[in-house]
Amino acid sequence: MHSTEKAAMTTFVLLSRVSPRGSGDVRSLGERVAEFERKLAERYPEVKNLASYALLGPYDFLHIFEAPDANTAARVALLAQAVGAGPTETLTAIPFDEFTTILDEA
């Protein structure tokens, strides 16, 4: 790889729920999300946060980010839990055009 080339990044989706200890003060949820995003940028500058959403349904938040590998994505999930998220689920997201290429090669 040339020094001007960037390593391939994988897109991940992090779903999280508010922890029982954190659900008492709904107003602090925004502060906790901001803290998560600040610590994410400080600790893992190689991670690119693409979007964050509040959800209605079984999960409370969705964060979409790019990371170099699954180990880094696991660190992101652990960071979310450290700032007050309850259970999390991390998924790999494959852009549909890449997925159709995979299908064509199968």
C-alpha atoms as a PDB file:
ATOM      1  CA  MET A   1       0.000   0.000   0.000  1.00  0.00           C
ATOM      2  CA  HIS A   2       1.336   3.436  -0.877  1.00  0.00           C
ATOM      3  CA  SER A   3       1.573   6.046   1.874  1.00  0.00           C
ATOM      4  CA  THR A   4      -1.170   8.093   0.177  1.00  0.00           C
ATOM      5  CA  GLU A   5      -3.643   5.176   0.163  1.00  0.00           C
ATOM      6  CA  LYS A   6      -6.026   4.678   3.051  1.00  0.00           C
ATOM      7  CA  ALA A   7      -6.713   1.309   4.609  1.00  0.00           C
ATOM      8  CA  ALA A   8     -10.121  -0.119   3.763  1.00  0.00           C
ATOM      9  CA  MET A   9     -12.712   0.695   6.378  1.00  0.00           C
ATOM     10  CA  THR A  10     -15.681  -1.452   7.304  1.00  0.00           C
ATOM     11  CA  THR A  11     -19.072   0.039   8.155  1.00  0.00           C
ATOM     12  CA  PHE A  12     -20.603  -1.040  11.452  1.00  0.00           C
ATOM     13  CA  VAL A  13     -23.973  -0.393  13.069  1.00  0.00           C
ATOM     14  CA  LEU A  14     -24.081  -0.157  16.866  1.00  0.00           C
ATOM     15  CA  LEU A  15     -27.509  -0.586  18.437  1.00  0.00           C
ATOM     16  CA  SER A  16     -27.855   0.216  22.127  1.00  0.00           C
ATOM     17  CA  ARG A  17     -30.407   0.419  24.878  1.00  0.00           C
ATOM     18  CA  VAL A  18     -30.427   2.793  27.818  1.00  0.00           C
ATOM     19  CA  SER A  19     -29.122   0.986  30.875  1.00  0.00           C
ATOM     20  CA  PRO A  20     -31.508   0.615  33.815  1.00  0.00           C
ATOM     21  CA  ARG A  21     -29.226   2.848  35.908  1.00  0.00           C
ATOM     22  CA  GLY A  22     -29.275   5.509  33.203  1.00  0.00           C
ATOM     23  CA  SER A  23     -32.973   5.494  32.423  1.00  0.00           C
ATOM     24  CA  GLY A  24     -33.998   7.549  35.465  1.00  0.00           C
ATOM     25  CA  ASP A  25     -32.882  10.895  34.065  1.00  0.00           C
ATOM     26  CA  VAL A  26     -33.993  11.089  30.448  1.00  0.00           C
ATOM     27  CA  ARG A  27     -32.659  14.635  30.128  1.00  0.00           C
ATOM     28  CA  SER A  28     -29.080  13.401  30.607  1.00  0.00           C
ATOM     29  CA  LEU A  29     -29.309  11.076  27.578  1.00  0.00           C
ATOM     30  CA  GLY A  30     -28.122  13.821  25.224  1.00  0.00           C
ATOM     31  CA  GLU A  31     -25.170  14.528  27.502  1.00  0.00           C
ATOM     32  CA  ARG A  32     -24.210  10.844  27.541  1.00  0.00           C
ATOM     33  CA  VAL A  33     -24.385  10.600  23.744  1.00  0.00           C
ATOM     34  CA  ALA A  34     -22.210  13.719  23.471  1.00  0.00           C
ATOM     35  CA  GLU A  35     -19.744  12.196  25.972  1.00  0.00           C
ATOM     36  CA  PHE A  36     -19.662   8.971  23.939  1.00  0.00           C
ATOM     37  CA  GLU A  37     -18.961  10.855  20.709  1.00  0.00           C
ATOM     38  CA  ARG A  38     -16.244  12.987  22.388  1.00  0.00           C
ATOM     39  CA  LYS A  39     -14.485   9.966  23.912  1.00  0.00           C
ATOM     40  CA  LEU A  40     -14.820   8.061  20.643  1.00  0.00           C
ATOM     41  CA  ALA A  41     -12.981  10.849  18.796  1.00  0.00           C
ATOM     42  CA  GLU A  42     -10.304  11.070  21.519  1.00  0.00           C
ATOM     43  CA  ARG A  43      -9.616   7.359  21.999  1.00  0.00           C
ATOM     44  CA  TYR A  44     -10.191   6.027  18.503  1.00  0.00           C
ATOM     45  CA  PRO A  45      -9.371   8.760  15.980  1.00  0.00           C
ATOM     46  CA  GLU A  46      -9.245   6.116  13.240  1.00  0.00           C
ATOM     47  CA  VAL A  47     -13.009   5.556  13.679  1.00  0.00           C
ATOM     48  CA  LYS A  48     -15.266   7.734  11.562  1.00  0.00           C
ATOM     49  CA  ASN A  49     -18.661   8.401  13.133  1.00  0.00           C
ATOM     50  CA  LEU A  50     -21.094   8.624  10.197  1.00  0.00           C
ATOM     51  CA  ALA A  51     -24.446   9.136  11.939  1.00  0.00           C
ATOM     52  CA  SER A  52     -26.288   8.777  15.237  1.00  0.00           C
ATOM     53  CA  TYR A  53     -30.017   8.379  15.736  1.00  0.00           C
ATOM     54  CA  ALA A  54     -32.492   8.027  18.589  1.00  0.00           C
ATOM     55  CA  LEU A  55     -34.854   5.136  17.874  1.00  0.00           C
ATOM     56  CA  LEU A  56     -38.395   4.112  18.706  1.00  0.00           C
ATOM     57  CA  GLY A  57     -38.541   0.384  19.272  1.00  0.00           C
ATOM     58  CA  PRO A  58     -36.514  -2.270  21.063  1.00  0.00           C
ATOM     59  CA  TYR A  59     -33.293  -0.210  20.811  1.00  0.00           C
ATOM     60  CA  ASP A  60     -32.868   3.395  21.932  1.00  0.00           C
ATOM     61  CA  PHE A  61     -29.886   4.526  19.840  1.00  0.00           C
ATOM     62  CA  LEU A  62     -28.215   3.659  16.560  1.00  0.00           C
ATOM     63  CA  HIS A  63     -24.684   4.740  15.679  1.00  0.00           C
ATOM     64  CA  ILE A  64     -23.242   4.112  12.215  1.00  0.00           C
ATOM     65  CA  PHE A  65     -19.466   4.254  11.997  1.00  0.00           C
ATOM     66  CA  GLU A  66     -16.498   3.086   9.977  1.00  0.00           C
ATOM     67  CA  ALA A  67     -13.655   1.233  11.656  1.00  0.00           C
ATOM     68  CA  PRO A  68     -10.605  -0.605  10.354  1.00  0.00           C
ATOM     69  CA  ASP A  69     -11.622  -3.958  11.859  1.00  0.00           C
ATOM     70  CA  ALA A  70     -13.958  -5.893  14.162  1.00  0.00           C
ATOM     71  CA  ASN A  71     -11.642  -5.491  17.169  1.00  0.00           C
ATOM     72  CA  THR A  72     -11.924  -1.720  16.913  1.00  0.00           C
ATOM     73  CA  ALA A  73     -15.715  -2.014  16.531  1.00  0.00           C
ATOM     74  CA  ALA A  74     -15.790  -4.087  19.735  1.00  0.00           C
ATOM     75  CA  ARG A  75     -13.862  -1.318  21.511  1.00  0.00           C
ATOM     76  CA  VAL A  76     -16.477   1.182  20.322  1.00  0.00           C
ATOM     77  CA  ALA A  77     -19.260  -0.987  21.771  1.00  0.00           C
ATOM     78  CA  LEU A  78     -17.392  -1.298  25.075  1.00  0.00           C
ATOM     79  CA  LEU A  79     -16.928   2.471  25.170  1.00  0.00           C
ATOM     80  CA  ALA A  80     -20.679   2.939  24.681  1.00  0.00           C
ATOM     81  CA  GLN A  81     -21.309   0.654  27.642  1.00  0.00           C
ATOM     82  CA  ALA A  82     -18.735   2.529  29.736  1.00  0.00           C
ATOM     83  CA  VAL A  83     -20.634   5.814  29.284  1.00  0.00           C
ATOM     84  CA  GLY A  84     -23.971   4.345  30.303  1.00  0.00           C
ATOM     85  CA  ALA A  85     -25.381   2.281  27.451  1.00  0.00           C
ATOM     86  CA  GLY A  86     -27.091  -0.919  28.411  1.00  0.00           C
ATOM     87  CA  PRO A  87     -26.915  -3.963  26.151  1.00  0.00           C
ATOM     88  CA  THR A  88     -25.444  -3.315  22.718  1.00  0.00           C
ATOM     89  CA  GLU A  89     -25.444  -5.161  19.434  1.00  0.00           C
ATOM     90  CA  THR A  90     -22.873  -4.490  16.725  1.00  0.00           C
ATOM     91  CA  LEU A  91     -23.524  -5.441  13.119  1.00  0.00           C
ATOM     92  CA  THR A  92     -21.374  -5.296  10.009  1.00  0.00           C
ATOM     93  CA  ALA A  93     -23.008  -3.311   7.207  1.00  0.00           C
ATOM     94  CA  ILE A  94     -22.102  -4.145   3.602  1.00  0.00           C
ATOM     95  CA  PRO A  95     -22.991  -1.541   0.963  1.00  0.00           C
ATOM     96  CA  PHE A  96     -25.526  -3.084  -1.380  1.00  0.00           C
ATOM     97  CA  ASP A  97     -23.381  -2.651  -4.495  1.00  0.00           C
ATOM     98  CA  GLU A  98     -20.581  -4.595  -2.784  1.00  0.00           C
ATOM     99  CA  PHE A  99     -23.098  -7.230  -1.688  1.00  0.00           C
ATOM    100  CA  THR A 100     -24.335  -7.737  -5.254  1.00  0.00           C
ATOM    101  CA  THR A 101     -20.715  -8.216  -6.355  1.00  0.00           C
ATOM    102  CA  ILE A 102     -20.356 -10.908  -3.698  1.00  0.00           C
ATOM    103  CA  LEU A 103     -23.535 -12.562  -4.977  1.00  0.00           C
ATOM    104  CA  ASP A 104     -22.229 -12.488  -8.542  1.00  0.00           C
ATOM    105  CA  GLU A 105     -19.002 -14.173  -7.421  1.00  0.00           C
ATOM    106  CA  ALA A 106     -20.765 -16.905  -5.418  1.00  0.00           C
END
